[in-house]
Structures are given as C-alpha cells and as structure tokens.
Amino acid sequence: MDKRVYSRIPKKSGKLTQKKAITTTEELDKAQIKKIFDLFDYNGNGGLSLAEIDRAIVELYPHLVYYDTAKTDIIKEAQKIAKKSKDGFINFKDFNYFIDYLHDYCEKAVISTKKLDEVQVKKAFDFYSNEGVLPLAEVNKAVLLLYPHLKKDKSAIMQAYNEKVPKFSQGDFINFKEFEYLIDALHYYNEKAEFTTRKLSKIQVKKIFDVFDYNNDGTLSYGEINKAVVILYPHLSKDESVIMRAYKAADVSRDGVIDFNEFGRLIDLLHYYNELSCIFKRLDIDDNGRIDFEEFKKGHDLIGISVKSNTMLKEKFDEICVP
C-alpha cells in the first residue's frame, strides 16, 4: 500500500493554492515545520536567505545533491517566493508553503522503478531494429526510449550489456531476448541508483534527530522514526518493512526507543536493508514473496555469487535457503 506522508498540494486553475497548501502536510505539523525553520535561521532574523534555503535543502534531502535538475527547479521556486517578499527573505508563513512544495516535488523526482512490460520493451526494440536484430550502435538509442534519465549515464548501458547479458547473437548485433536481459539489468541498476545517496554526516544526523525528538527526551519512538526516515528518504514511504527492519536492528538496547547513537546506526542500516530489499524484489520474478531455485539461478550474480556449474549453484542455494 502506498501510504503518503503528506497530502498532495491542492491546485486551483493549474496553480498551487498557498493558503490551503499550508495546512495539507499530514505528518509535518506546524510546530515541527517551525522547528525546522528555526534550525536553519542561523542569525535568528525570522527569515531565510536563499543561501540558508539551499543549505536546508541539501541537509534535509541529501539525495537531491545527485539530481541537478530537481535541485535547480526547487531553488527557482524558492527564488520566486523570496522575490514576492519586501526584503528578499522567506518568512515562516512562506516556508510552510515551500516545505509542502518540496515534499511534492521530491515524490515526483524519484525515478520510477516499475518494471517495464514486454510490449513497451518490444516497441523500443522494433523502433531501431532491422529484421529482428538491433545493431549495437543503436542500443543506447533504444534504451533511452525506455529510460531517458540514463542519457547522462550512458556508460551504465554498455556496462550492463557486457556484464549481465548472455550473448546469443553473432557480430555487432543483439536479438530481442538479449535486449530484454539488458532492460532487466538496467531495471535493477535504476533501483540501486535510486537509493545510492551520500552518507549523512554526524552533524546532519544530529540536526534531523533533534527535529523529530518532539519532547526533547533524547530518544525517538518508532512513530517518530518513521516520520524522520520518510522525510529523509521519501521513496521509503512505499516500503515500511525496510524501516521496521532497520529500526529493530538499530535498537540494540531493546528498550523500544532509539537514542542518538542508535539513530546513526539506523541511518546506516537503511542503506543496507534497502539494497537487500531491491535485490530480493529483483530475484522474486513471480512476486510471491519467496525465491525458488529457478529465480535464484537467473539472478544469483546480483548477490555476488559466482559458480561454474548448476550443481555448485544448487549447493549455494541450499546453504542459504530457509525451509
């Protein structure tokens, strides 16, 4: 189930309606937004400069560092808001609207990793193929029809082809089956790329921790953890099991709450569990929540297992298989 952290910003005549937008944040209440605002209002003048806004974006949403277009769009929106004020600063009322806008934009900015169906893949293949084969020189063009965001990372396409695609064709051509393998490999690459973000510094983690420590007791409950994590990594709102696993593993004191030291550990664990979750979903072809030997055989290389025969592979599968 896709549980939203916040409501969509209401629109009126195609434009954002600021008055309503201020009240549509479901998890970030006004007191919490004020806490964030004060955190970045370094000189305490009741307004945020564009430099302070820029810093707030990077610290609250570190994954945006890797999405130049997204960050540029968001800064432009901040500039528009600042222009409307008399002093060029963003006050608390406008910051409410900006935070709502930021959440909404971040949700849309995350690359979709929904697996493409065969019809879509075949259509892209046929567009550049000739008599059932696709010249290697045209592979990038066909892939970009399906994954245009890879335009800035074309090397990933050939890397996936060389490392992940079994070769059936002769010469500088690939057939449709090989192209399907390539798209599958890039689907996994997309999922990994979505979650590959720079690790947060201790200072950043402390600032986030303090924002969500509502009663200032130095600990966070699971509810507070869930809010904090989803604000940091919006895509995780669609997979709360990852948050729960990281929460349980980070709670080394087994007291049901997370202190600051455990929170740092939790952030590290999120990266680890996220990747495991992505790999599992990639292996679980029939989407039944279990991985059988055939699925394991097809994707064993994703978890770093290299073997020379099916017998050895079956032995590895039996080693890690839980009845």
Protein backbone atom coordinates (compact mmCIF):
# COMPACT_ATOMS: atom_id res chain seq x y z
CA MET A 1 0.00 0.00 0.00
CA ASP A 2 1.28 3.45 -0.89
CA LYS A 3 0.99 5.36 2.38
CA ARG A 4 1.51 9.05 1.78
CA VAL A 5 3.44 11.11 4.27
CA TYR A 6 1.56 14.17 3.22
CA SER A 7 -1.44 15.14 1.14
CA ARG A 8 -0.99 16.45 -2.35
CA ILE A 9 -0.91 20.22 -2.57
CA PRO A 10 -4.33 21.30 -3.85
CA LYS A 11 -4.37 23.03 -7.19
CA LYS A 12 -6.61 25.76 -8.46
CA SER A 13 -6.65 26.71 -12.14
CA GLY A 14 -3.38 24.82 -12.57
CA LYS A 15 -1.58 26.84 -9.88
CA LEU A 16 -0.62 25.94 -6.34
CA THR A 17 -3.01 27.41 -3.79
CA GLN A 18 -0.77 28.68 -0.98
CA LYS A 19 -3.44 29.17 1.68
CA LYS A 20 -4.58 25.54 1.50
CA ALA A 21 -1.10 24.17 0.92
CA ILE A 22 -0.01 25.34 4.37
CA THR A 23 -2.50 23.00 6.04
CA THR A 24 -2.10 19.91 3.84
CA THR A 25 1.05 18.50 5.45
CA GLU A 26 -0.18 15.40 7.24
CA GLU A 27 2.93 14.35 9.18
CA LEU A 28 4.86 17.63 9.35
CA ASP A 29 2.70 19.75 11.62
CA LYS A 30 3.14 23.49 12.04
CA ALA A 31 5.21 23.16 15.23
CA GLN A 32 7.57 20.76 13.53
CA ILE A 33 7.97 23.00 10.48
CA LYS A 34 8.72 25.89 12.84
CA LYS A 35 11.43 23.79 14.45
CA ILE A 36 12.99 23.14 11.03
CA PHE A 37 12.67 26.83 10.12
CA ASP A 38 14.43 27.92 13.32
CA LEU A 39 17.14 25.32 12.76
CA PHE A 40 18.20 26.99 9.51
CA ASP A 41 17.50 30.60 10.54
CA TYR A 42 21.11 30.95 11.65
CA ASN A 43 21.01 34.65 12.50
CA GLY A 44 17.55 34.48 14.07
CA ASN A 45 16.09 37.31 11.97
CA GLY A 46 12.83 35.48 11.25
CA GLY A 47 13.63 34.98 7.56
CA LEU A 48 15.66 32.53 5.48
CA SER A 49 18.03 33.77 2.80
CA LEU A 50 18.42 31.77 -0.43
CA ALA A 51 21.77 30.53 0.87
CA GLU A 52 20.09 29.23 4.03
CA ILE A 53 17.34 27.62 1.93
CA ASP A 54 19.96 25.96 -0.26
CA ARG A 55 21.68 24.54 2.80
CA ALA A 56 18.36 23.36 4.26
CA ILE A 57 17.51 21.50 1.04
CA VAL A 58 20.84 19.68 0.97
CA GLU A 59 20.73 18.74 4.65
CA LEU A 60 17.08 17.66 4.74
CA TYR A 61 17.13 15.94 1.34
CA PRO A 62 20.72 14.80 0.69
CA HIS A 63 19.69 12.65 -2.29
CA LEU A 64 18.88 15.85 -4.22
CA VAL A 65 22.60 16.56 -4.43
CA TYR A 66 22.64 13.95 -7.21
CA TYR A 67 19.64 15.36 -9.12
CA ASP A 68 20.82 18.66 -10.59
CA THR A 69 17.56 19.36 -12.42
CA ALA A 70 15.45 18.75 -9.32
CA LYS A 71 17.59 20.97 -7.12
CA THR A 72 17.64 23.74 -9.76
CA ASP A 73 13.84 23.65 -10.05
CA ILE A 74 13.42 23.81 -6.28
CA ILE A 75 15.84 26.73 -5.92
CA LYS A 76 13.95 28.57 -8.68
CA GLU A 77 10.73 28.11 -6.72
CA ALA A 78 12.47 29.50 -3.62
CA GLN A 79 13.67 32.49 -5.65
CA LYS A 80 10.10 33.16 -6.78
CA ILE A 81 8.87 33.10 -3.19
CA ALA A 82 11.70 35.35 -1.99
CA LYS A 83 11.02 37.84 -4.81
CA LYS A 84 7.48 38.38 -3.55
CA SER A 85 8.71 39.48 -0.13
CA LYS A 86 9.88 43.03 0.51
CA ASP A 87 13.25 42.04 1.96
CA GLY A 88 14.13 39.11 -0.30
CA PHE A 89 13.88 36.59 2.55
CA ILE A 90 11.47 33.68 3.02
CA ASN A 91 9.42 34.13 6.19
CA PHE A 92 7.85 31.34 8.23
CA LYS A 93 4.46 31.53 6.50
CA ASP A 94 6.07 31.17 3.08
CA PHE A 95 8.36 28.43 4.41
CA ASN A 96 5.25 26.38 5.25
CA TYR A 97 4.25 26.53 1.60
CA PHE A 98 7.81 25.84 0.44
CA ILE A 99 8.13 22.67 2.58
CA ASP A 100 4.87 21.37 1.10
CA TYR A 101 6.14 22.15 -2.40
CA LEU A 102 9.45 20.43 -1.60
CA HIS A 103 7.77 17.21 -0.46
CA ASP A 104 5.54 17.15 -3.50
CA TYR A 105 8.44 17.72 -5.87
CA CYS A 106 10.66 15.13 -4.20
CA GLU A 107 7.98 12.47 -4.54
CA LYS A 108 7.74 13.10 -8.27
CA ALA A 109 11.52 13.43 -8.69
CA VAL A 110 12.28 9.90 -7.53
CA ILE A 111 12.93 7.71 -10.57
CA SER A 112 10.16 5.19 -11.17
CA THR A 113 11.44 1.63 -10.90
CA LYS A 114 8.26 -0.07 -12.03
CA LYS A 115 9.27 -2.95 -14.26
CA LEU A 116 8.52 -2.36 -17.94
CA ASP A 117 6.20 -4.80 -19.66
CA GLU A 118 7.19 -6.78 -22.77
CA VAL A 119 5.07 -4.63 -25.10
CA GLN A 120 6.97 -1.46 -24.10
CA VAL A 121 10.32 -3.18 -24.45
CA LYS A 122 9.41 -4.69 -27.84
CA LYS A 123 8.23 -1.32 -29.14
CA ALA A 124 11.58 0.31 -28.30
CA PHE A 125 13.48 -2.63 -29.81
CA ASP A 126 11.45 -2.59 -33.05
CA PHE A 127 11.92 1.15 -33.48
CA TYR A 128 15.65 0.72 -34.15
CA SER A 129 15.92 -2.97 -35.14
CA ASN A 130 16.12 -4.41 -38.63
CA GLU A 131 14.95 -7.93 -39.44
CA GLY A 132 14.81 -8.96 -35.80
CA VAL A 133 18.23 -7.72 -34.73
CA LEU A 134 19.43 -4.46 -33.24
CA PRO A 135 22.87 -3.04 -34.13
CA LEU A 136 24.99 -2.43 -31.03
CA ALA A 137 25.45 1.13 -32.26
CA GLU A 138 21.69 1.67 -31.85
CA VAL A 139 21.32 0.03 -28.43
CA ASN A 140 21.77 3.27 -26.49
CA LYS A 141 19.04 4.97 -28.53
CA ALA A 142 16.59 2.11 -27.94
CA VAL A 143 17.33 2.03 -24.20
CA LEU A 144 16.90 5.82 -23.89
CA LEU A 145 13.37 5.50 -25.29
CA LEU A 146 12.59 3.49 -22.14
CA TYR A 147 14.97 5.12 -19.64
CA PRO A 148 15.62 8.72 -20.79
CA HIS A 149 17.29 9.60 -17.45
CA LEU A 150 20.24 7.38 -18.47
CA LYS A 151 21.21 9.98 -21.06
CA LYS A 152 23.68 11.36 -18.50
CA ASP A 153 24.98 7.90 -17.67
CA LYS A 154 25.22 6.05 -20.98
CA SER A 155 28.26 4.10 -19.80
CA ALA A 156 25.90 2.17 -17.48
CA ILE A 157 24.10 0.77 -20.54
CA MET A 158 27.17 -0.84 -22.08
CA GLN A 159 28.43 -1.92 -18.67
CA ALA A 160 25.15 -3.74 -18.04
CA TYR A 161 25.31 -5.28 -21.53
CA ASN A 162 28.88 -6.54 -21.08
CA GLU A 163 28.43 -7.85 -17.53
CA LYS A 164 24.82 -9.02 -17.29
CA VAL A 165 23.58 -10.07 -20.75
CA PRO A 166 24.13 -13.62 -22.06
CA LYS A 167 25.34 -13.40 -25.68
CA PHE A 168 23.34 -15.34 -28.29
CA SER A 169 23.91 -13.29 -31.44
CA GLN A 170 26.95 -13.12 -33.69
CA GLY A 171 28.73 -9.90 -34.65
CA ASP A 172 27.73 -6.39 -33.66
CA PHE A 173 24.03 -7.13 -33.19
CA ILE A 174 21.70 -8.24 -30.42
CA ASN A 175 18.34 -10.00 -30.67
CA PHE A 176 15.20 -9.22 -28.70
CA LYS A 177 15.95 -11.78 -25.96
CA GLU A 178 19.32 -10.12 -25.31
CA PHE A 179 17.66 -6.71 -25.29
CA GLU A 180 15.18 -7.97 -22.68
CA TYR A 181 18.07 -9.15 -20.49
CA LEU A 182 19.65 -5.72 -20.86
CA ILE A 183 16.47 -3.90 -19.83
CA ASP A 184 16.12 -6.26 -16.84
CA ALA A 185 19.68 -5.46 -15.79
CA LEU A 186 19.05 -1.72 -16.13
CA HIS A 187 15.84 -2.05 -14.11
CA TYR A 188 17.95 -3.34 -11.23
CA TYR A 189 20.51 -0.57 -11.87
CA ASN A 190 17.70 2.01 -11.58
CA GLU A 191 16.58 0.58 -8.25
CA LYS A 192 20.10 0.69 -6.87
CA ALA A 193 20.68 4.21 -8.23
CA GLU A 194 17.52 5.48 -6.59
CA PHE A 195 18.82 4.57 -3.17
CA THR A 196 22.51 5.28 -3.63
CA THR A 197 22.93 8.54 -1.77
CA ARG A 198 25.83 10.05 0.08
CA LYS A 199 26.05 9.03 3.73
CA LEU A 200 24.89 11.73 6.12
CA SER A 201 27.47 13.40 8.35
CA LYS A 202 27.13 13.18 12.13
CA ILE A 203 26.10 16.85 12.28
CA GLN A 204 23.34 16.28 9.69
CA VAL A 205 22.08 13.21 11.55
CA LYS A 206 22.01 15.17 14.84
CA LYS A 207 20.01 18.00 13.26
CA ILE A 208 17.44 15.58 11.86
CA PHE A 209 17.30 13.72 15.19
CA ASP A 210 16.60 16.94 17.10
CA VAL A 211 13.82 17.98 14.69
CA PHE A 212 11.88 14.79 15.36
CA ASP A 213 12.63 14.49 19.07
CA TYR A 214 9.35 16.23 19.92
CA ASN A 215 9.60 16.05 23.69
CA ASN A 216 13.39 16.62 23.80
CA ASP A 217 13.98 13.47 25.85
CA GLY A 218 16.90 12.32 23.69
CA THR A 219 15.05 9.34 22.22
CA LEU A 220 12.75 8.64 19.26
CA SER A 221 9.79 6.26 19.25
CA TYR A 222 9.01 4.12 16.18
CA GLY A 223 6.35 6.64 15.12
CA GLU A 224 8.88 9.47 15.28
CA ILE A 225 11.47 7.32 13.49
CA ASN A 226 9.01 6.57 10.70
CA LYS A 227 8.34 10.29 10.19
CA ALA A 228 12.02 11.18 10.23
CA VAL A 229 13.08 8.45 7.81
CA VAL A 230 10.33 9.17 5.29
CA ILE A 231 11.23 12.87 5.34
CA LEU A 232 14.87 11.96 4.68
CA TYR A 233 14.08 9.30 2.06
CA PRO A 234 10.56 9.91 0.62
CA HIS A 235 10.67 6.74 -1.52
CA LEU A 236 10.64 4.63 1.66
CA SER A 237 7.01 5.59 2.32
CA LYS A 238 6.24 2.76 -0.13
CA ASP A 239 8.21 0.12 1.79
CA GLU A 240 7.77 0.48 5.54
CA SER A 241 9.14 -3.05 6.08
CA VAL A 242 12.62 -1.64 5.37
CA ILE A 243 12.15 0.99 8.08
CA MET A 244 10.87 -1.60 10.57
CA ARG A 245 13.81 -3.96 9.96
CA ALA A 246 16.33 -1.15 10.37
CA TYR A 247 14.50 0.10 13.49
CA LYS A 248 14.58 -3.31 15.18
CA ALA A 249 18.24 -3.90 14.29
CA ALA A 250 19.27 -0.41 15.47
CA ASP A 251 17.52 -0.76 18.84
CA VAL A 252 20.48 -2.53 20.44
CA SER A 253 19.30 -1.58 23.95
CA ARG A 254 15.97 -3.34 23.27
CA ASP A 255 14.04 -0.61 25.08
CA GLY A 256 11.72 0.17 22.17
CA VAL A 257 13.16 3.64 21.51
CA ILE A 258 16.16 4.92 19.55
CA ASP A 259 18.74 7.24 21.11
CA PHE A 260 21.09 9.43 19.07
CA ASN A 261 23.85 6.80 18.76
CA GLU A 262 21.32 4.19 17.64
CA PHE A 263 19.81 6.69 15.19
CA GLY A 264 23.16 6.99 13.40
CA ARG A 265 23.30 3.20 13.19
CA LEU A 266 19.73 3.13 11.88
CA ILE A 267 20.59 5.51 9.02
CA ASP A 268 23.50 3.23 8.01
CA LEU A 269 21.26 0.15 8.22
CA LEU A 270 18.68 1.77 5.95
CA HIS A 271 21.20 1.79 3.10
CA TYR A 272 21.98 -1.88 3.73
CA TYR A 273 18.38 -3.12 4.06
CA ASN A 274 17.28 -1.03 1.11
CA GLU A 275 19.77 -2.74 -1.15
CA LEU A 276 18.79 -6.19 0.14
CA SER A 277 15.11 -5.36 -0.45
CA CYS A 278 15.85 -4.25 -4.02
CA ILE A 279 17.81 -7.44 -4.73
CA PHE A 280 15.04 -9.63 -3.30
CA LYS A 281 12.40 -7.91 -5.42
CA ARG A 282 14.62 -8.32 -8.45
CA LEU A 283 15.06 -12.07 -7.81
CA ASP A 284 11.41 -12.69 -6.89
CA ILE A 285 10.22 -12.82 -10.51
CA ASP A 286 6.74 -14.22 -9.79
CA ASP A 287 6.27 -11.73 -6.93
CA ASN A 288 5.10 -14.36 -4.41
CA GLY A 289 7.39 -13.23 -1.59
CA ARG A 290 9.69 -16.26 -1.93
CA ILE A 291 12.69 -17.08 -4.11
CA ASP A 292 12.79 -20.57 -5.66
CA PHE A 293 15.85 -22.17 -7.23
CA GLU A 294 14.94 -21.14 -10.79
CA GLU A 295 14.69 -17.49 -9.72
CA PHE A 296 17.91 -17.83 -7.75
CA LYS A 297 19.66 -19.36 -10.76
CA LYS A 298 18.62 -16.50 -13.01
CA GLY A 299 19.80 -13.73 -10.67
CA HIS A 300 22.45 -15.24 -8.39
CA ASP A 301 25.10 -12.82 -9.71
CA LEU A 302 23.15 -9.92 -8.17
CA ILE A 303 24.15 -11.10 -4.70
CA GLY A 304 27.77 -11.72 -5.62
CA ILE A 305 27.69 -15.50 -6.04
CA SER A 306 29.95 -16.77 -8.82
CA VAL A 307 29.85 -20.51 -9.66
CA LYS A 308 30.81 -22.68 -12.62
CA SER A 309 28.00 -25.26 -12.61
CA ASN A 310 24.34 -25.73 -11.69
CA THR A 311 25.38 -28.33 -9.11
CA MET A 312 27.56 -25.81 -7.27
CA LEU A 313 24.81 -23.20 -7.58
CA LYS A 314 22.26 -25.62 -6.06
CA GLU A 315 24.63 -26.24 -3.16
CA LYS A 316 24.87 -22.49 -2.55
CA PHE A 317 21.08 -22.17 -2.76
CA ASP A 318 20.59 -24.99 -0.23
CA GLU A 319 23.09 -23.33 2.13
CA ILE A 320 21.12 -20.10 2.37
CA CYS A 321 17.61 -21.47 1.81
CA VAL A 322 15.40 -21.33 4.89
CA PRO A 323 12.73 -24.10 4.82
